[in-house]
Amino acid sequence: MELTLASLLPAILVTVTAAAMLALYLHLVRRNRLSLAGLGFRRPTLRLFHLLWQIPVSILVCGSLQGIFLVWLSSLGVDTASAGTADDPLADIAALPVPWIVVCFLIIAVATPLWEEILFRGAFLDGLARRFRPAVAILLSAALFAALHLVLLGFVYLFTLGIALALLRRFHRNLWAPVLLHAANNALVTLTILAVVS
C-alpha cells in the first residue's frame, strides 16, 4: 500500500482518538479523581427506551435544518457543492482494505462518541451549567461542539446535533443517551459516505 491520505487515515484516527482519551483520562480521572458515575456514566434506566424515538427524530431534525440551510445558501449564490458526501475526507476510507474500513468505522462510530461526549456534554456542558442558565449552557456547548468540528457548511447540522445531545444529557441525566445518539449519527453518516463513494 502506498502512502496516501487514505492509507494514513486509520493511523490518524487511532492517534487522535488515543490522545483525546488519554488527555481526558489524565485530566478528569487521575487529576480530578472522577469515577465513571462522576463523569456522567450512571446506571442506565428504563428511561433510555425513549431513545427509540429520540434518536430518529433528532437525526431527522438535524438533516432537515441542514437541508434548509443549504437551500438558503444556494439562493444567496453560495456554492454548496462541497457539502456533498463525495468531497468528505472520510470518503477516502472507501479506498482502504476492508479490515481498515472496519477499524475506521469502529473509531468513528464507537470511540469518538465516547470521548467527545465526555468532553462536550460531560466537562463543557456541566461546567457551563454551573455558570449560566441551562438554555444558555446548552446553546454555548452546542456552538462549541459545532465550531470545533471545523466544517463550515455543516455548522447548522452540527449545532442542532449539539443541542439534541445536550438535551438528551439533561433529560436522561447520564452520558449513555448522548453517546448512543452520537454513535448512531456517526455510523449513519459514515455508512452514507461509504455507500455514495462506492
C-alpha atoms as a PDB file:
ATOM      1  CA  MET A   1       0.000   0.000   0.000  1.00  0.00           C
ATOM      2  CA  GLU A   2       1.448   3.381  -0.988  1.00  0.00           C
ATOM      3  CA  LEU A   3       1.449   6.311   1.423  1.00  0.00           C
ATOM      4  CA  THR A   4      -1.563   8.485   0.677  1.00  0.00           C
ATOM      5  CA  LEU A   5      -4.021  10.382   2.837  1.00  0.00           C
ATOM      6  CA  ALA A   6      -6.366   7.404   2.588  1.00  0.00           C
ATOM      7  CA  SER A   7      -3.673   4.990   3.776  1.00  0.00           C
ATOM      8  CA  LEU A   8      -2.730   7.288   6.678  1.00  0.00           C
ATOM      9  CA  LEU A   9      -6.338   7.880   7.773  1.00  0.00           C
ATOM     10  CA  PRO A  10      -6.540   4.850  10.119  1.00  0.00           C
ATOM     11  CA  ALA A  11      -3.294   5.887  11.830  1.00  0.00           C
ATOM     12  CA  ILE A  12      -4.503   9.476  12.156  1.00  0.00           C
ATOM     13  CA  LEU A  13      -7.876   8.392  13.578  1.00  0.00           C
ATOM     14  CA  VAL A  14      -6.256   5.980  16.055  1.00  0.00           C
ATOM     15  CA  THR A  15      -3.686   8.585  17.148  1.00  0.00           C
ATOM     16  CA  VAL A  16      -6.190  11.421  17.634  1.00  0.00           C
ATOM     17  CA  THR A  17      -8.648   9.156  19.452  1.00  0.00           C
ATOM     18  CA  ALA A  18      -5.968   7.678  21.727  1.00  0.00           C
ATOM     19  CA  ALA A  19      -4.552  11.140  22.504  1.00  0.00           C
ATOM     20  CA  ALA A  20      -8.007  12.549  23.310  1.00  0.00           C
ATOM     21  CA  MET A  21      -8.908   9.596  25.542  1.00  0.00           C
ATOM     22  CA  LEU A  22      -5.549   9.757  27.338  1.00  0.00           C
ATOM     23  CA  ALA A  23      -5.897  13.516  27.909  1.00  0.00           C
ATOM     24  CA  LEU A  24      -9.415  13.089  29.290  1.00  0.00           C
ATOM     25  CA  TYR A  25      -8.292  10.218  31.495  1.00  0.00           C
ATOM     26  CA  LEU A  26      -5.321  12.151  32.879  1.00  0.00           C
ATOM     27  CA  HIS A  27      -7.299  15.326  33.493  1.00  0.00           C
ATOM     28  CA  LEU A  28     -10.685  14.032  34.625  1.00  0.00           C
ATOM     29  CA  VAL A  29      -9.953  10.636  36.177  1.00  0.00           C
ATOM     30  CA  ARG A  30      -6.423  10.962  37.553  1.00  0.00           C
ATOM     31  CA  ARG A  31      -6.260  14.678  38.367  1.00  0.00           C
ATOM     32  CA  ASN A  32      -9.875  15.269  39.433  1.00  0.00           C
ATOM     33  CA  ARG A  33     -10.420  11.714  40.715  1.00  0.00           C
ATOM     34  CA  LEU A  34     -13.731  11.255  38.905  1.00  0.00           C
ATOM     35  CA  SER A  35     -15.356   7.843  38.709  1.00  0.00           C
ATOM     36  CA  LEU A  36     -17.461   6.651  35.763  1.00  0.00           C
ATOM     37  CA  ALA A  37     -20.537   7.940  37.603  1.00  0.00           C
ATOM     38  CA  GLY A  38     -18.742  11.225  38.230  1.00  0.00           C
ATOM     39  CA  LEU A  39     -18.049  11.524  34.517  1.00  0.00           C
ATOM     40  CA  GLY A  40     -21.760  11.056  33.824  1.00  0.00           C
ATOM     41  CA  PHE A  41     -21.980   7.329  33.127  1.00  0.00           C
ATOM     42  CA  ARG A  42     -24.648   6.383  35.638  1.00  0.00           C
ATOM     43  CA  ARG A  43     -26.608   3.145  35.626  1.00  0.00           C
ATOM     44  CA  PRO A  44     -28.970   3.087  32.633  1.00  0.00           C
ATOM     45  CA  THR A  45     -32.687   3.166  33.432  1.00  0.00           C
ATOM     46  CA  LEU A  46     -35.835   2.248  31.516  1.00  0.00           C
ATOM     47  CA  ARG A  47     -35.979   5.904  30.504  1.00  0.00           C
ATOM     48  CA  LEU A  48     -33.414   5.026  27.809  1.00  0.00           C
ATOM     49  CA  PHE A  49     -36.255   3.421  25.823  1.00  0.00           C
ATOM     50  CA  HIS A  50     -37.188   6.994  24.863  1.00  0.00           C
ATOM     51  CA  LEU A  51     -34.133   6.837  22.581  1.00  0.00           C
ATOM     52  CA  LEU A  52     -36.175   4.651  20.224  1.00  0.00           C
ATOM     53  CA  TRP A  53     -37.964   7.827  19.098  1.00  0.00           C
ATOM     54  CA  GLN A  54     -35.448  10.464  20.260  1.00  0.00           C
ATOM     55  CA  ILE A  55     -32.600   9.261  18.036  1.00  0.00           C
ATOM     56  CA  PRO A  56     -34.555   9.152  14.732  1.00  0.00           C
ATOM     57  CA  VAL A  57     -36.328  12.448  15.479  1.00  0.00           C
ATOM     58  CA  SER A  58     -33.031  14.158  16.370  1.00  0.00           C
ATOM     59  CA  ILE A  59     -31.302  12.986  13.187  1.00  0.00           C
ATOM     60  CA  LEU A  60     -34.345  13.933  11.088  1.00  0.00           C
ATOM     61  CA  VAL A  61     -34.489  17.448  12.589  1.00  0.00           C
ATOM     62  CA  CYS A  62     -30.717  17.939  12.130  1.00  0.00           C
ATOM     63  CA  GLY A  63     -30.888  16.802   8.494  1.00  0.00           C
ATOM     64  CA  SER A  64     -33.952  18.917   7.741  1.00  0.00           C
ATOM     65  CA  LEU A  65     -32.454  22.098   9.195  1.00  0.00           C
ATOM     66  CA  GLN A  66     -29.184  21.421   7.354  1.00  0.00           C
ATOM     67  CA  GLY A  67     -31.109  20.994   4.092  1.00  0.00           C
ATOM     68  CA  ILE A  68     -32.981  24.264   4.639  1.00  0.00           C
ATOM     69  CA  PHE A  69     -29.678  25.995   5.426  1.00  0.00           C
ATOM     70  CA  LEU A  70     -28.027  24.708   2.231  1.00  0.00           C
ATOM     71  CA  VAL A  71     -31.031  25.729   0.109  1.00  0.00           C
ATOM     72  CA  TRP A  72     -30.907  29.192   1.674  1.00  0.00           C
ATOM     73  CA  LEU A  73     -27.155  29.473   0.994  1.00  0.00           C
ATOM     74  CA  SER A  74     -27.703  28.369  -2.602  1.00  0.00           C
ATOM     75  CA  SER A  75     -30.382  31.051  -3.053  1.00  0.00           C
ATOM     76  CA  LEU A  76     -27.775  33.600  -1.958  1.00  0.00           C
ATOM     77  CA  GLY A  77     -25.386  32.324  -4.646  1.00  0.00           C
ATOM     78  CA  VAL A  78     -23.078  30.430  -2.285  1.00  0.00           C
ATOM     79  CA  ASP A  79     -21.551  27.285  -3.819  1.00  0.00           C
ATOM     80  CA  THR A  80     -22.715  24.442  -1.600  1.00  0.00           C
ATOM     81  CA  ALA A  81     -21.352  21.640  -3.794  1.00  0.00           C
ATOM     82  CA  SER A  82     -18.565  20.968  -1.286  1.00  0.00           C
ATOM     83  CA  ALA A  83     -21.230  19.965   1.256  1.00  0.00           C
ATOM     84  CA  GLY A  84     -21.714  16.710  -0.673  1.00  0.00           C
ATOM     85  CA  THR A  85     -20.532  13.437   0.785  1.00  0.00           C
ATOM     86  CA  ALA A  86     -18.224  12.713  -2.153  1.00  0.00           C
ATOM     87  CA  ASP A  87     -15.969  15.598  -1.085  1.00  0.00           C
ATOM     88  CA  ASP A  88     -15.815  14.482   2.542  1.00  0.00           C
ATOM     89  CA  PRO A  89     -12.324  13.461   3.740  1.00  0.00           C
ATOM     90  CA  LEU A  90     -13.921  10.346   5.228  1.00  0.00           C
ATOM     91  CA  ALA A  91     -14.745   9.249   1.681  1.00  0.00           C
ATOM     92  CA  ASP A  92     -11.074   8.252   1.450  1.00  0.00           C
ATOM     93  CA  ILE A  93     -11.669   5.293   3.758  1.00  0.00           C
ATOM     94  CA  ALA A  94     -13.645   3.575   0.992  1.00  0.00           C
ATOM     95  CA  ALA A  95     -10.342   3.032  -0.837  1.00  0.00           C
ATOM     96  CA  LEU A  96      -8.834   1.132   2.106  1.00  0.00           C
ATOM     97  CA  PRO A  97      -8.765  -2.654   2.545  1.00  0.00           C
ATOM     98  CA  VAL A  98     -11.872  -3.974   4.337  1.00  0.00           C
ATOM     99  CA  PRO A  99     -10.157  -4.574   7.730  1.00  0.00           C
ATOM    100  CA  TRP A 100      -9.024  -0.931   7.816  1.00  0.00           C
ATOM    101  CA  ILE A 101     -12.502   0.255   6.849  1.00  0.00           C
ATOM    102  CA  VAL A 102     -13.857  -1.693   9.837  1.00  0.00           C
ATOM    103  CA  VAL A 103     -11.218  -0.164  12.150  1.00  0.00           C
ATOM    104  CA  CYS A 104     -12.034   3.353  10.922  1.00  0.00           C
ATOM    105  CA  PHE A 105     -15.758   2.709  11.279  1.00  0.00           C
ATOM    106  CA  LEU A 106     -15.354   1.483  14.876  1.00  0.00           C
ATOM    107  CA  ILE A 107     -13.263   4.510  15.795  1.00  0.00           C
ATOM    108  CA  ILE A 108     -15.753   6.924  14.203  1.00  0.00           C
ATOM    109  CA  ALA A 109     -18.932   5.234  15.450  1.00  0.00           C
ATOM    110  CA  VAL A 110     -17.820   3.923  18.868  1.00  0.00           C
ATOM    111  CA  ALA A 111     -14.648   5.507  20.277  1.00  0.00           C
ATOM    112  CA  THR A 112     -15.157   9.078  19.056  1.00  0.00           C
ATOM    113  CA  PRO A 113     -18.689   9.435  20.511  1.00  0.00           C
ATOM    114  CA  LEU A 114     -17.352   8.238  23.874  1.00  0.00           C
ATOM    115  CA  TRP A 115     -14.587  10.791  24.250  1.00  0.00           C
ATOM    116  CA  GLU A 116     -16.482  13.637  22.577  1.00  0.00           C
ATOM    117  CA  GLU A 117     -19.464  13.166  24.888  1.00  0.00           C
ATOM    118  CA  ILE A 118     -17.239  13.062  27.963  1.00  0.00           C
ATOM    119  CA  LEU A 119     -15.657  16.312  26.777  1.00  0.00           C
ATOM    120  CA  PHE A 120     -18.625  18.250  25.368  1.00  0.00           C
ATOM    121  CA  ARG A 121     -21.643  17.022  27.357  1.00  0.00           C
ATOM    122  CA  GLY A 122     -19.679  15.989  30.439  1.00  0.00           C
ATOM    123  CA  ALA A 123     -16.983  18.574  31.092  1.00  0.00           C
ATOM    124  CA  PHE A 124     -18.120  21.552  28.974  1.00  0.00           C
ATOM    125  CA  LEU A 125     -21.903  21.363  29.404  1.00  0.00           C
ATOM    126  CA  ASP A 126     -21.664  20.652  33.133  1.00  0.00           C
ATOM    127  CA  GLY A 127     -19.120  23.457  33.580  1.00  0.00           C
ATOM    128  CA  LEU A 128     -21.212  25.932  31.596  1.00  0.00           C
ATOM    129  CA  ALA A 129     -24.356  24.911  33.520  1.00  0.00           C
ATOM    130  CA  ARG A 130     -22.652  25.978  36.762  1.00  0.00           C
ATOM    131  CA  ARG A 131     -22.116  29.493  35.343  1.00  0.00           C
ATOM    132  CA  PHE A 132     -25.162  30.052  33.102  1.00  0.00           C
ATOM    133  CA  ARG A 133     -28.838  29.194  32.884  1.00  0.00           C
ATOM    134  CA  PRO A 134     -29.490  25.742  31.333  1.00  0.00           C
ATOM    135  CA  ALA A 135     -30.636  27.112  27.937  1.00  0.00           C
ATOM    136  CA  VAL A 136     -27.542  29.297  27.606  1.00  0.00           C
ATOM    137  CA  ALA A 137     -25.264  26.412  28.643  1.00  0.00           C
ATOM    138  CA  ILE A 138     -26.890  24.139  26.046  1.00  0.00           C
ATOM    139  CA  LEU A 139     -26.518  26.714  23.248  1.00  0.00           C
ATOM    140  CA  LEU A 140     -22.894  27.532  24.162  1.00  0.00           C
ATOM    141  CA  SER A 141     -21.872  23.873  24.368  1.00  0.00           C
ATOM    142  CA  ALA A 142     -23.593  23.164  21.031  1.00  0.00           C
ATOM    143  CA  ALA A 143     -21.865  26.124  19.371  1.00  0.00           C
ATOM    144  CA  LEU A 144     -18.503  24.972  20.721  1.00  0.00           C
ATOM    145  CA  PHE A 145     -19.162  21.408  19.527  1.00  0.00           C
ATOM    146  CA  ALA A 146     -20.086  22.622  16.018  1.00  0.00           C
ATOM    147  CA  ALA A 147     -17.229  25.125  15.764  1.00  0.00           C
ATOM    148  CA  LEU A 148     -14.534  22.653  16.823  1.00  0.00           C
ATOM    149  CA  HIS A 149     -15.527  20.252  14.040  1.00  0.00           C
ATOM    150  CA  LEU A 150     -14.274  22.877  11.531  1.00  0.00           C
ATOM    151  CA  VAL A 151     -16.953  22.094   8.923  1.00  0.00           C
ATOM    152  CA  LEU A 152     -18.427  25.469   7.970  1.00  0.00           C
ATOM    153  CA  LEU A 153     -21.133  24.184   5.615  1.00  0.00           C
ATOM    154  CA  GLY A 154     -22.148  21.548   8.165  1.00  0.00           C
ATOM    155  CA  PHE A 155     -22.346  24.010  11.070  1.00  0.00           C
ATOM    156  CA  VAL A 156     -26.166  24.018  11.258  1.00  0.00           C
ATOM    157  CA  TYR A 157     -26.295  20.200  11.337  1.00  0.00           C
ATOM    158  CA  LEU A 158     -23.581  20.002  13.998  1.00  0.00           C
ATOM    159  CA  PHE A 159     -25.055  22.846  16.066  1.00  0.00           C
ATOM    160  CA  THR A 160     -28.505  21.221  16.021  1.00  0.00           C
ATOM    161  CA  LEU A 161     -26.950  17.851  16.862  1.00  0.00           C
ATOM    162  CA  GLY A 162     -25.082  19.508  19.747  1.00  0.00           C
ATOM    163  CA  ILE A 163     -28.373  20.866  21.091  1.00  0.00           C
ATOM    164  CA  ALA A 164     -30.017  17.439  20.778  1.00  0.00           C
ATOM    165  CA  LEU A 165     -27.093  15.754  22.540  1.00  0.00           C
ATOM    166  CA  ALA A 166     -27.207  18.288  25.378  1.00  0.00           C
ATOM    167  CA  LEU A 167     -30.978  17.900  25.747  1.00  0.00           C
ATOM    168  CA  LEU A 168     -30.575  14.124  25.952  1.00  0.00           C
ATOM    169  CA  ARG A 169     -27.869  14.560  28.586  1.00  0.00           C
ATOM    170  CA  ARG A 170     -30.228  16.663  30.693  1.00  0.00           C
ATOM    171  CA  PHE A 171     -33.338  14.526  30.059  1.00  0.00           C
ATOM    172  CA  HIS A 172     -31.651  11.198  30.873  1.00  0.00           C
ATOM    173  CA  ARG A 173     -29.231  12.618  33.482  1.00  0.00           C
ATOM    174  CA  ASN A 174     -26.375  10.497  32.160  1.00  0.00           C
ATOM    175  CA  LEU A 175     -23.984  10.310  29.214  1.00  0.00           C
ATOM    176  CA  TRP A 176     -25.259   6.993  27.838  1.00  0.00           C
ATOM    177  CA  ALA A 177     -28.086   8.669  25.917  1.00  0.00           C
ATOM    178  CA  PRO A 178     -25.955  11.275  24.086  1.00  0.00           C
ATOM    179  CA  VAL A 179     -23.275   8.650  23.412  1.00  0.00           C
ATOM    180  CA  LEU A 180     -25.878   6.415  21.746  1.00  0.00           C
ATOM    181  CA  LEU A 181     -27.294   9.272  19.625  1.00  0.00           C
ATOM    182  CA  HIS A 182     -23.779  10.383  18.687  1.00  0.00           C
ATOM    183  CA  ALA A 183     -22.796   6.816  17.778  1.00  0.00           C
ATOM    184  CA  ALA A 184     -25.942   6.331  15.675  1.00  0.00           C
ATOM    185  CA  ASN A 185     -25.327   9.644  13.909  1.00  0.00           C
ATOM    186  CA  ASN A 186     -21.659   8.917  13.179  1.00  0.00           C
ATOM    187  CA  ALA A 187     -22.476   5.403  11.977  1.00  0.00           C
ATOM    188  CA  LEU A 188     -25.222   6.693   9.680  1.00  0.00           C
ATOM    189  CA  VAL A 189     -23.045   9.473   8.238  1.00  0.00           C
ATOM    190  CA  THR A 190     -20.086   7.133   7.690  1.00  0.00           C
ATOM    191  CA  LEU A 191     -22.213   4.407   6.068  1.00  0.00           C
ATOM    192  CA  THR A 192     -23.874   7.021   3.840  1.00  0.00           C
ATOM    193  CA  ILE A 193     -20.500   8.357   2.698  1.00  0.00           C
ATOM    194  CA  LEU A 194     -19.230   4.822   2.031  1.00  0.00           C
ATOM    195  CA  ALA A 195     -22.387   3.966   0.075  1.00  0.00           C
ATOM    196  CA  VAL A 196     -22.148   7.121  -2.059  1.00  0.00           C
ATOM    197  CA  VAL A 197     -18.473   6.778  -2.980  1.00  0.00           C
ATOM    198  CA  SER A 198     -18.515   3.007  -3.525  1.00  0.00           C
END
